[in-house]
Amino acid sequence: MESRGGAPKKRLPAEVYVFAALILVSFSLLLISTRDLMMGVRDAGLSVFSGARGGVNEVSSFVSRTVLSAQELFRLRAEHAELLEQIARYERLERSAAEISQENVRLREQLAFSQSLSYRHIPARLVGRDPDNLYSAFVINKGRRAGVAKDMAVIAWQGGSQALVGKVIEAKTFDSLVMPLYDTSLLVSSRFAASRFEGIVEGQGSPDASLRMRFIPKRARDEISQGDLIITSGMGGVYPPEINIGRVTGVIYHEYEISMEVEVEPLIDFSRLEYVFVIEEKAEDDEDD
């Protein structure tokens, strides 16, 4: 074939076309491989980032849950402690109410007894023991300012009956010392409530020991029984008559002695003694005459 200019046009060899095709194919393959590699790197990076982010989220979530659990535990402990304190307060209030109720019952009993007494009297309460420990005496919260004087008799209401407690041995301005029946230095003129035989009651030094009634005529032996009531005789002017002392628990009799004795259990339980009444010798009715 000839060209329009008259010069023949040269044709490219076939190897050129083959070489160009191979270059194109290689470039295409290289492009595809590079794209796949980039995609793999990107996917790997995304996987690593996603895993790291998941780990961070998990750790953060664990820490958050731990902190919240600790706060909840602290709150629950505080509420538990508060509830325990409220329960303790309620129990104290309940005990206080019960104690107040019992105290009111005892005070009403003491008031009823006070109103029944025919003697002018001074109500008092035990507040301590003899600070010098010279006697077995105890301290009451009334003294000369309230009208208490030395040698006044002291009685109490306990267990549904009145009974002798002892006598005042020292009256101070605002309090007094009372010597109880069981003191060995206290002597009380007394008699049997039924047979009327007389004697002297004295203590043996301990509130747990029985009293002794001495100098009882021996002829009274057949008229004495366990359980007989012993009362004050009124002799001597210190103790008013007819005040209960105790009951006979045993008889002591010896042929060679001119008198006999009996053991007496006091009606007063000194371990439970709280309230007493200091009384004078003269009854109110006698004062009015």
C-alpha atoms as a PDB file:
ATOM      1  CA  MET A   1       0.000   0.000   0.000  1.00  0.00           C
ATOM      2  CA  GLU A   2       1.203   3.368  -0.797  1.00  0.00           C
ATOM      3  CA  SER A   3       0.573   6.647   0.798  1.00  0.00           C
ATOM      4  CA  ARG A   4      -1.013   9.597  -0.852  1.00  0.00           C
ATOM      5  CA  GLY A   5       2.370  11.291  -0.963  1.00  0.00           C
ATOM      6  CA  GLY A   6       3.622   8.434  -2.897  1.00  0.00           C
ATOM      7  CA  ALA A   7       5.884   7.098  -0.183  1.00  0.00           C
ATOM      8  CA  PRO A   8       5.029   3.749   1.250  1.00  0.00           C
ATOM      9  CA  LYS A   9       3.941   3.698   5.036  1.00  0.00           C
ATOM     10  CA  LYS A  10       5.895   1.331   7.325  1.00  0.00           C
ATOM     11  CA  ARG A  11       3.956  -1.096   9.548  1.00  0.00           C
ATOM     12  CA  LEU A  12       5.026  -1.784  13.244  1.00  0.00           C
ATOM     13  CA  PRO A  13       6.260  -5.207  13.942  1.00  0.00           C
ATOM     14  CA  ALA A  14       3.929  -7.593  15.787  1.00  0.00           C
ATOM     15  CA  GLU A  15       6.349  -7.892  18.732  1.00  0.00           C
ATOM     16  CA  VAL A  16       5.663  -4.281  19.598  1.00  0.00           C
ATOM     17  CA  TYR A  17       2.011  -4.945  19.987  1.00  0.00           C
ATOM     18  CA  VAL A  18       2.670  -8.046  22.045  1.00  0.00           C
ATOM     19  CA  PHE A  19       5.072  -6.154  24.307  1.00  0.00           C
ATOM     20  CA  ALA A  20       2.572  -3.335  24.819  1.00  0.00           C
ATOM     21  CA  ALA A  21      -0.125  -5.813  25.668  1.00  0.00           C
ATOM     22  CA  LEU A  22       2.131  -7.524  28.200  1.00  0.00           C
ATOM     23  CA  ILE A  23       2.973  -4.190  29.816  1.00  0.00           C
ATOM     24  CA  LEU A  24      -0.720  -3.339  30.070  1.00  0.00           C
ATOM     25  CA  VAL A  25      -1.547  -6.698  31.598  1.00  0.00           C
ATOM     26  CA  SER A  26       1.347  -6.427  34.101  1.00  0.00           C
ATOM     27  CA  PHE A  27       0.310  -2.938  35.090  1.00  0.00           C
ATOM     28  CA  SER A  28      -3.255  -4.095  35.598  1.00  0.00           C
ATOM     29  CA  LEU A  29      -2.129  -7.019  37.744  1.00  0.00           C
ATOM     30  CA  LEU A  30       0.169  -4.770  39.751  1.00  0.00           C
ATOM     31  CA  LEU A  31      -2.686  -2.317  40.315  1.00  0.00           C
ATOM     32  CA  ILE A  32      -5.033  -5.066  41.476  1.00  0.00           C
ATOM     33  CA  SER A  33      -2.386  -6.548  43.814  1.00  0.00           C
ATOM     34  CA  THR A  34      -1.584  -3.141  45.287  1.00  0.00           C
ATOM     35  CA  ARG A  35      -5.296  -2.467  45.858  1.00  0.00           C
ATOM     36  CA  ASP A  36      -5.758  -5.812  47.583  1.00  0.00           C
ATOM     37  CA  LEU A  37      -2.689  -5.133  49.733  1.00  0.00           C
ATOM     38  CA  MET A  38      -3.981  -1.725  50.730  1.00  0.00           C
ATOM     39  CA  MET A  39      -7.380  -3.176  51.512  1.00  0.00           C
ATOM     40  CA  GLY A  40      -5.726  -5.867  53.649  1.00  0.00           C
ATOM     41  CA  VAL A  41      -3.627  -3.315  55.508  1.00  0.00           C
ATOM     42  CA  ARG A  42      -6.677  -1.131  56.039  1.00  0.00           C
ATOM     43  CA  ASP A  43      -8.748  -4.081  57.242  1.00  0.00           C
ATOM     44  CA  ALA A  44      -5.936  -5.192  59.531  1.00  0.00           C
ATOM     45  CA  GLY A  45      -5.613  -1.691  60.917  1.00  0.00           C
ATOM     46  CA  LEU A  46      -9.338  -1.477  61.429  1.00  0.00           C
ATOM     47  CA  SER A  47      -9.318  -4.860  63.176  1.00  0.00           C
ATOM     48  CA  VAL A  48      -6.487  -3.828  65.512  1.00  0.00           C
ATOM     49  CA  PHE A  49      -8.119  -0.479  66.254  1.00  0.00           C
ATOM     50  CA  SER A  50     -11.478  -2.118  66.818  1.00  0.00           C
ATOM     51  CA  GLY A  51      -9.935  -4.692  69.159  1.00  0.00           C
ATOM     52  CA  ALA A  52      -8.044  -2.045  71.087  1.00  0.00           C
ATOM     53  CA  ARG A  53     -11.129   0.107  71.354  1.00  0.00           C
ATOM     54  CA  GLY A  54     -13.151  -2.884  72.548  1.00  0.00           C
ATOM     55  CA  GLY A  55     -10.512  -3.673  75.177  1.00  0.00           C
ATOM     56  CA  VAL A  56     -10.467  -0.089  76.371  1.00  0.00           C
ATOM     57  CA  ASN A  57     -14.249  -0.075  76.516  1.00  0.00           C
ATOM     58  CA  GLU A  58     -14.234  -3.357  78.469  1.00  0.00           C
ATOM     59  CA  VAL A  59     -11.654  -2.097  80.968  1.00  0.00           C
ATOM     60  CA  SER A  60     -13.502   1.192  81.329  1.00  0.00           C
ATOM     61  CA  SER A  61     -16.768  -0.642  81.836  1.00  0.00           C
ATOM     62  CA  PHE A  62     -15.178  -2.948  84.458  1.00  0.00           C
ATOM     63  CA  VAL A  63     -13.680  -0.022  86.356  1.00  0.00           C
ATOM     64  CA  SER A  64     -16.976   1.847  86.200  1.00  0.00           C
ATOM     65  CA  ARG A  65     -18.892  -1.184  87.461  1.00  0.00           C
ATOM     66  CA  THR A  66     -16.347  -1.689  90.271  1.00  0.00           C
ATOM     67  CA  VAL A  67     -16.603   1.947  91.367  1.00  0.00           C
ATOM     68  CA  LEU A  68     -20.391   1.827  91.264  1.00  0.00           C
ATOM     69  CA  SER A  69     -20.393  -1.453  93.206  1.00  0.00           C
ATOM     70  CA  ALA A  70     -18.101   0.029  95.850  1.00  0.00           C
ATOM     71  CA  GLN A  71     -20.302   3.105  96.133  1.00  0.00           C
ATOM     72  CA  GLU A  72     -23.406   0.916  96.402  1.00  0.00           C
ATOM     73  CA  LEU A  73     -21.748  -1.254  99.046  1.00  0.00           C
ATOM     74  CA  PHE A  74     -20.745   1.837 101.019  1.00  0.00           C
ATOM     75  CA  ARG A  75     -24.291   3.198 100.776  1.00  0.00           C
ATOM     76  CA  LEU A  76     -25.799  -0.129 101.848  1.00  0.00           C
ATOM     77  CA  ARG A  77     -23.424  -0.337 104.808  1.00  0.00           C
ATOM     78  CA  ALA A  78     -24.338   3.189 105.858  1.00  0.00           C
ATOM     79  CA  GLU A  79     -28.054   2.378 105.586  1.00  0.00           C
ATOM     80  CA  HIS A  80     -27.517  -0.864 107.518  1.00  0.00           C
ATOM     81  CA  ALA A  81     -25.698   0.976 110.297  1.00  0.00           C
ATOM     82  CA  GLU A  82     -28.445   3.603 110.412  1.00  0.00           C
ATOM     83  CA  LEU A  83     -31.137   0.928 110.604  1.00  0.00           C
ATOM     84  CA  LEU A  84     -29.280  -0.831 113.406  1.00  0.00           C
ATOM     85  CA  GLU A  85     -29.029   2.455 115.291  1.00  0.00           C
ATOM     86  CA  GLN A  86     -32.753   3.078 114.798  1.00  0.00           C
ATOM     87  CA  ILE A  87     -33.543  -0.416 116.077  1.00  0.00           C
ATOM     88  CA  ALA A  88     -31.305   0.183 119.104  1.00  0.00           C
ATOM     89  CA  ARG A  89     -33.060   3.508 119.759  1.00  0.00           C
ATOM     90  CA  TYR A  90     -36.468   1.839 119.511  1.00  0.00           C
ATOM     91  CA  GLU A  91     -35.341  -0.911 121.896  1.00  0.00           C
ATOM     92  CA  ARG A  92     -34.046   1.693 124.341  1.00  0.00           C
ATOM     93  CA  LEU A  93     -37.306   3.590 124.072  1.00  0.00           C
ATOM     94  CA  GLU A  94     -39.254   0.381 124.603  1.00  0.00           C
ATOM     95  CA  ARG A  95     -37.163  -0.518 127.646  1.00  0.00           C
ATOM     96  CA  SER A  96     -37.478   3.024 128.963  1.00  0.00           C
ATOM     97  CA  ALA A  97     -41.247   2.916 128.525  1.00  0.00           C
ATOM     98  CA  ALA A  98     -41.420  -0.440 130.328  1.00  0.00           C
ATOM     99  CA  GLU A  99     -39.182   0.826 133.114  1.00  0.00           C
ATOM    100  CA  ILE A 100     -41.217   4.007 133.454  1.00  0.00           C
ATOM    101  CA  SER A 101     -44.403   1.948 133.611  1.00  0.00           C
ATOM    102  CA  GLN A 102     -42.937  -0.286 136.336  1.00  0.00           C
ATOM    103  CA  GLU A 103     -41.650   2.761 138.181  1.00  0.00           C
ATOM    104  CA  ASN A 104     -45.122   4.300 138.061  1.00  0.00           C
ATOM    105  CA  VAL A 105     -46.612   1.119 139.527  1.00  0.00           C
ATOM    106  CA  ARG A 106     -44.088   1.164 142.377  1.00  0.00           C
ATOM    107  CA  LEU A 107     -44.659   4.851 143.028  1.00  0.00           C
ATOM    108  CA  ARG A 108     -48.426   4.375 143.100  1.00  0.00           C
ATOM    109  CA  GLU A 109     -47.956   1.603 145.666  1.00  0.00           C
ATOM    110  CA  GLN A 110     -45.738   3.854 147.762  1.00  0.00           C
ATOM    111  CA  LEU A 111     -48.233   6.711 147.466  1.00  0.00           C
ATOM    112  CA  ALA A 112     -51.116   4.492 148.557  1.00  0.00           C
ATOM    113  CA  PHE A 113     -49.102   3.329 151.555  1.00  0.00           C
ATOM    114  CA  SER A 114     -48.099   6.903 152.382  1.00  0.00           C
ATOM    115  CA  GLN A 115     -51.739   7.978 152.371  1.00  0.00           C
ATOM    116  CA  SER A 116     -52.661   5.107 154.695  1.00  0.00           C
ATOM    117  CA  LEU A 117     -50.075   5.963 157.358  1.00  0.00           C
ATOM    118  CA  SER A 118     -51.398   7.524 160.530  1.00  0.00           C
ATOM    119  CA  TYR A 119     -47.960   8.892 161.396  1.00  0.00           C
ATOM    120  CA  ARG A 120     -46.475  12.078 160.111  1.00  0.00           C
ATOM    121  CA  HIS A 121     -43.781  10.816 157.804  1.00  0.00           C
ATOM    122  CA  ILE A 122     -41.143  11.891 155.320  1.00  0.00           C
ATOM    123  CA  PRO A 123     -40.798   9.878 152.087  1.00  0.00           C
ATOM    124  CA  ALA A 124     -37.209   9.293 150.978  1.00  0.00           C
ATOM    125  CA  ARG A 125     -35.139   7.268 148.568  1.00  0.00           C
ATOM    126  CA  LEU A 126     -31.935   5.291 149.020  1.00  0.00           C
ATOM    127  CA  VAL A 127     -29.063   7.031 147.252  1.00  0.00           C
ATOM    128  CA  GLY A 128     -25.923   5.333 148.578  1.00  0.00           C
ATOM    129  CA  ARG A 129     -24.012   3.564 151.307  1.00  0.00           C
ATOM    130  CA  ASP A 130     -22.122   4.864 154.292  1.00  0.00           C
ATOM    131  CA  PRO A 131     -19.067   6.563 152.721  1.00  0.00           C
ATOM    132  CA  ASP A 132     -16.908   5.925 155.789  1.00  0.00           C
ATOM    133  CA  ASN A 133     -17.883   2.256 155.881  1.00  0.00           C
ATOM    134  CA  LEU A 134     -18.129   2.439 159.664  1.00  0.00           C
ATOM    135  CA  TYR A 135     -21.575   0.872 159.691  1.00  0.00           C
ATOM    136  CA  SER A 136     -23.739  -1.156 157.382  1.00  0.00           C
ATOM    137  CA  ALA A 137     -25.746   2.063 157.062  1.00  0.00           C
ATOM    138  CA  PHE A 138     -27.164   3.463 153.843  1.00  0.00           C
ATOM    139  CA  VAL A 139     -27.839   7.024 152.768  1.00  0.00           C
ATOM    140  CA  ILE A 140     -31.274   8.493 152.078  1.00  0.00           C
ATOM    141  CA  ASN A 141     -31.928  11.721 150.160  1.00  0.00           C
ATOM    142  CA  LYS A 142     -33.686  13.585 152.982  1.00  0.00           C
ATOM    143  CA  GLY A 143     -32.086  15.384 155.917  1.00  0.00           C
ATOM    144  CA  ARG A 144     -32.723  18.046 158.519  1.00  0.00           C
ATOM    145  CA  ARG A 145     -34.022  20.450 155.876  1.00  0.00           C
ATOM    146  CA  ALA A 146     -36.896  17.993 155.279  1.00  0.00           C
ATOM    147  CA  GLY A 147     -37.499  17.405 158.996  1.00  0.00           C
ATOM    148  CA  VAL A 148     -35.441  14.246 159.530  1.00  0.00           C
ATOM    149  CA  ALA A 149     -33.819  13.882 162.944  1.00  0.00           C
ATOM    150  CA  LYS A 150     -31.596  11.337 164.663  1.00  0.00           C
ATOM    151  CA  ASP A 151     -33.268   8.212 166.108  1.00  0.00           C
ATOM    152  CA  MET A 152     -36.352   8.494 163.925  1.00  0.00           C
ATOM    153  CA  ALA A 153     -37.704   5.103 162.834  1.00  0.00           C
ATOM    154  CA  VAL A 154     -37.581   4.147 159.170  1.00  0.00           C
ATOM    155  CA  ILE A 155     -40.125   1.847 157.557  1.00  0.00           C
ATOM    156  CA  ALA A 156     -40.915   0.707 154.025  1.00  0.00           C
ATOM    157  CA  TRP A 157     -43.682  -0.822 151.945  1.00  0.00           C
ATOM    158  CA  GLN A 158     -42.560  -3.954 150.128  1.00  0.00           C
ATOM    159  CA  GLY A 159     -44.211  -7.127 148.939  1.00  0.00           C
ATOM    160  CA  GLY A 160     -47.677  -5.949 149.921  1.00  0.00           C
ATOM    161  CA  SER A 161     -46.904  -5.116 153.533  1.00  0.00           C
ATOM    162  CA  GLN A 162     -45.169  -2.501 155.668  1.00  0.00           C
ATOM    163  CA  ALA A 163     -42.120  -3.431 157.716  1.00  0.00           C
ATOM    164  CA  LEU A 164     -39.383  -1.912 159.836  1.00  0.00           C
ATOM    165  CA  VAL A 165     -36.158  -0.984 158.031  1.00  0.00           C
ATOM    166  CA  GLY A 166     -34.104   0.570 160.837  1.00  0.00           C
ATOM    167  CA  LYS A 167     -33.505   4.016 162.323  1.00  0.00           C
ATOM    168  CA  VAL A 168     -31.743   7.281 161.510  1.00  0.00           C
ATOM    169  CA  ILE A 169     -28.312   7.467 163.148  1.00  0.00           C
ATOM    170  CA  GLU A 170     -27.189  10.757 161.614  1.00  0.00           C
ATOM    171  CA  ALA A 171     -29.199  13.553 160.016  1.00  0.00           C
ATOM    172  CA  LYS A 172     -27.356  16.022 157.789  1.00  0.00           C
ATOM    173  CA  THR A 173     -28.740  19.030 156.001  1.00  0.00           C
ATOM    174  CA  PHE A 174     -29.814  17.292 152.822  1.00  0.00           C
ATOM    175  CA  ASP A 175     -29.319  13.578 153.506  1.00  0.00           C
ATOM    176  CA  SER A 176     -29.201  11.110 156.390  1.00  0.00           C
ATOM    177  CA  LEU A 177     -27.650   7.816 157.445  1.00  0.00           C
ATOM    178  CA  VAL A 178     -29.976   4.931 158.287  1.00  0.00           C
ATOM    179  CA  MET A 179     -28.840   1.901 160.272  1.00  0.00           C
ATOM    180  CA  PRO A 180     -30.682  -1.227 159.051  1.00  0.00           C
ATOM    181  CA  LEU A 181     -32.175  -3.986 161.147  1.00  0.00           C
ATOM    182  CA  TYR A 182     -29.424  -6.459 160.335  1.00  0.00           C
ATOM    183  CA  ASP A 183     -26.689  -4.310 161.936  1.00  0.00           C
ATOM    184  CA  THR A 184     -25.377  -5.951 165.120  1.00  0.00           C
ATOM    185  CA  SER A 185     -25.598  -2.690 167.081  1.00  0.00           C
ATOM    186  CA  LEU A 186     -29.316  -2.182 166.409  1.00  0.00           C
ATOM    187  CA  LEU A 187     -31.691  -3.434 169.136  1.00  0.00           C
ATOM    188  CA  VAL A 188     -35.471  -3.324 168.737  1.00  0.00           C
ATOM    189  CA  SER A 189     -38.050  -3.947 171.463  1.00  0.00           C
ATOM    190  CA  SER A 190     -40.463  -6.410 169.901  1.00  0.00           C
ATOM    191  CA  ARG A 191     -43.222  -8.913 170.556  1.00  0.00           C
ATOM    192  CA  PHE A 192     -45.142 -11.764 168.968  1.00  0.00           C
ATOM    193  CA  ALA A 193     -48.217 -10.437 167.183  1.00  0.00           C
ATOM    194  CA  ALA A 194     -50.369 -13.384 168.312  1.00  0.00           C
ATOM    195  CA  SER A 195     -49.127 -14.475 171.749  1.00  0.00           C
ATOM    196  CA  ARG A 196     -47.840 -10.991 172.723  1.00  0.00           C
ATOM    197  CA  PHE A 197     -44.685 -12.337 174.365  1.00  0.00           C
ATOM    198  CA  GLU A 198     -41.904  -9.780 174.227  1.00  0.00           C
ATOM    199  CA  GLY A 199     -38.193  -9.865 173.460  1.00  0.00           C
ATOM    200  CA  ILE A 200     -35.369  -7.932 171.798  1.00  0.00           C
ATOM    201  CA  VAL A 201     -34.600  -8.279 168.083  1.00  0.00           C
ATOM    202  CA  GLU A 202     -31.019  -7.747 166.955  1.00  0.00           C
ATOM    203  CA  GLY A 203     -29.150  -8.204 163.696  1.00  0.00           C
ATOM    204  CA  GLN A 204     -26.238 -10.499 162.874  1.00  0.00           C
ATOM    205  CA  GLY A 205     -24.319  -8.162 160.590  1.00  0.00           C
ATOM    206  CA  SER A 206     -25.466  -9.350 157.168  1.00  0.00           C
ATOM    207  CA  PRO A 207     -28.613  -8.745 155.116  1.00  0.00           C
ATOM    208  CA  ASP A 208     -28.507 -12.422 154.139  1.00  0.00           C
ATOM    209  CA  ALA A 209     -28.484 -13.655 157.740  1.00  0.00           C
ATOM    210  CA  SER A 210     -31.601 -14.026 159.834  1.00  0.00           C
ATOM    211  CA  LEU A 211     -32.341 -11.764 162.810  1.00  0.00           C
ATOM    212  CA  ARG A 212     -32.393 -13.026 166.398  1.00  0.00           C
ATOM    213  CA  MET A 213     -35.127 -12.341 168.935  1.00  0.00           C
ATOM    214  CA  ARG A 214     -33.651 -12.844 172.398  1.00  0.00           C
ATOM    215  CA  PHE A 215     -34.829 -12.795 176.024  1.00  0.00           C
ATOM    216  CA  ILE A 216     -38.136 -14.497 175.299  1.00  0.00           C
ATOM    217  CA  PRO A 217     -39.699 -16.105 178.413  1.00  0.00           C
ATOM    218  CA  LYS A 218     -39.293 -19.882 178.318  1.00  0.00           C
ATOM    219  CA  ARG A 219     -42.983 -20.361 179.069  1.00  0.00           C
ATOM    220  CA  ALA A 220     -43.690 -18.996 175.590  1.00  0.00           C
ATOM    221  CA  ARG A 221     -42.242 -22.151 174.016  1.00  0.00           C
ATOM    222  CA  ASP A 222     -45.579 -23.925 173.590  1.00  0.00           C
ATOM    223  CA  GLU A 223     -47.139 -20.858 171.982  1.00  0.00           C
ATOM    224  CA  ILE A 224     -44.446 -20.221 169.398  1.00  0.00           C
ATOM    225  CA  SER A 225     -44.579 -21.673 165.909  1.00  0.00           C
ATOM    226  CA  GLN A 226     -42.689 -21.172 162.705  1.00  0.00           C
ATOM    227  CA  GLY A 227     -44.212 -18.399 160.638  1.00  0.00           C
ATOM    228  CA  ASP A 228     -45.348 -16.355 163.647  1.00  0.00           C
ATOM    229  CA  LEU A 229     -45.231 -12.632 162.975  1.00  0.00           C
ATOM    230  CA  ILE A 230     -42.883 -10.455 165.031  1.00  0.00           C
ATOM    231  CA  ILE A 231     -43.758  -6.767 165.462  1.00  0.00           C
ATOM    232  CA  THR A 232     -42.434  -3.767 167.364  1.00  0.00           C
ATOM    233  CA  SER A 233     -43.670  -3.401 170.918  1.00  0.00           C
ATOM    234  CA  GLY A 234     -43.372   0.386 171.096  1.00  0.00           C
ATOM    235  CA  MET A 235     -41.262   0.168 174.256  1.00  0.00           C
ATOM    236  CA  GLY A 236     -38.342   2.581 174.457  1.00  0.00           C
ATOM    237  CA  GLY A 237     -39.947   5.363 172.468  1.00  0.00           C
ATOM    238  CA  VAL A 238     -37.893   4.958 169.272  1.00  0.00           C
ATOM    239  CA  TYR A 239     -40.090   2.631 167.225  1.00  0.00           C
ATOM    240  CA  PRO A 240     -43.876   3.004 167.088  1.00  0.00           C
ATOM    241  CA  PRO A 241     -45.822  -0.119 168.096  1.00  0.00           C
ATOM    242  CA  GLU A 242     -47.278  -2.663 165.697  1.00  0.00           C
ATOM    243  CA  ILE A 243     -44.674  -2.232 162.950  1.00  0.00           C
ATOM    244  CA  ASN A 244     -43.927  -5.560 161.249  1.00  0.00           C
ATOM    245  CA  ILE A 245     -40.397  -6.930 161.610  1.00  0.00           C
ATOM    246  CA  GLY A 246     -40.365 -10.491 160.326  1.00  0.00           C
ATOM    247  CA  ARG A 247     -41.487 -14.084 160.791  1.00  0.00           C
ATOM    248  CA  VAL A 248     -40.139 -16.908 162.955  1.00  0.00           C
ATOM    249  CA  THR A 249     -38.024 -19.432 161.046  1.00  0.00           C
ATOM    250  CA  GLY A 250     -36.523 -21.370 163.952  1.00  0.00           C
ATOM    251  CA  VAL A 251     -36.673 -21.817 167.750  1.00  0.00           C
ATOM    252  CA  ILE A 252     -33.552 -21.980 169.956  1.00  0.00           C
ATOM    253  CA  TYR A 253     -34.295 -23.499 173.360  1.00  0.00           C
ATOM    254  CA  HIS A 254     -31.893 -24.668 176.066  1.00  0.00           C
ATOM    255  CA  GLU A 255     -33.019 -26.091 179.412  1.00  0.00           C
ATOM    256  CA  TYR A 256     -30.105 -24.503 181.286  1.00  0.00           C
ATOM    257  CA  GLU A 257     -30.926 -20.967 180.130  1.00  0.00           C
ATOM    258  CA  ILE A 258     -33.521 -18.699 181.715  1.00  0.00           C
ATOM    259  CA  SER A 259     -34.842 -17.458 178.356  1.00  0.00           C
ATOM    260  CA  MET A 260     -35.111 -18.665 174.781  1.00  0.00           C
ATOM    261  CA  GLU A 261     -34.455 -17.269 171.329  1.00  0.00           C
ATOM    262  CA  VAL A 262     -35.986 -17.486 167.884  1.00  0.00           C
ATOM    263  CA  GLU A 263     -34.584 -16.866 164.434  1.00  0.00           C
ATOM    264  CA  VAL A 264     -36.513 -14.260 162.474  1.00  0.00           C
ATOM    265  CA  GLU A 265     -36.512 -13.681 158.725  1.00  0.00           C
ATOM    266  CA  PRO A 266     -37.056  -9.943 158.075  1.00  0.00           C
ATOM    267  CA  LEU A 267     -39.973  -9.000 155.865  1.00  0.00           C
ATOM    268  CA  ILE A 268     -37.804  -6.431 154.093  1.00  0.00           C
ATOM    269  CA  ASP A 269     -35.586  -7.644 151.282  1.00  0.00           C
ATOM    270  CA  PHE A 270     -32.771  -5.128 151.662  1.00  0.00           C
ATOM    271  CA  SER A 271     -31.307  -5.988 148.254  1.00  0.00           C
ATOM    272  CA  ARG A 272     -34.465  -4.608 146.607  1.00  0.00           C
ATOM    273  CA  LEU A 273     -35.059  -1.668 148.904  1.00  0.00           C
ATOM    274  CA  GLU A 274     -35.563   1.647 147.082  1.00  0.00           C
ATOM    275  CA  TYR A 275     -38.067   3.825 148.944  1.00  0.00           C
ATOM    276  CA  VAL A 276     -38.476   4.371 152.668  1.00  0.00           C
ATOM    277  CA  PHE A 277     -40.535   6.503 155.046  1.00  0.00           C
ATOM    278  CA  VAL A 278     -39.033   8.269 158.016  1.00  0.00           C
ATOM    279  CA  ILE A 279     -41.701   8.476 160.728  1.00  0.00           C
ATOM    280  CA  GLU A 280     -42.124  10.265 164.043  1.00  0.00           C
ATOM    281  CA  GLU A 281     -43.297   8.744 167.309  1.00  0.00           C
ATOM    282  CA  LYS A 282     -46.500  10.752 167.526  1.00  0.00           C
ATOM    283  CA  ALA A 283     -49.494  10.045 165.319  1.00  0.00           C
ATOM    284  CA  GLU A 284     -51.287  12.875 163.532  1.00  0.00           C
ATOM    285  CA  ASP A 285     -54.466  12.214 165.498  1.00  0.00           C
ATOM    286  CA  ASP A 286     -52.509  12.703 168.745  1.00  0.00           C
ATOM    287  CA  GLU A 287     -51.103  16.008 167.503  1.00  0.00           C
ATOM    288  CA  ASP A 288     -54.599  17.335 166.863  1.00  0.00           C
ATOM    289  CA  ASP A 289     -55.721  16.663 170.468  1.00  0.00           C
END
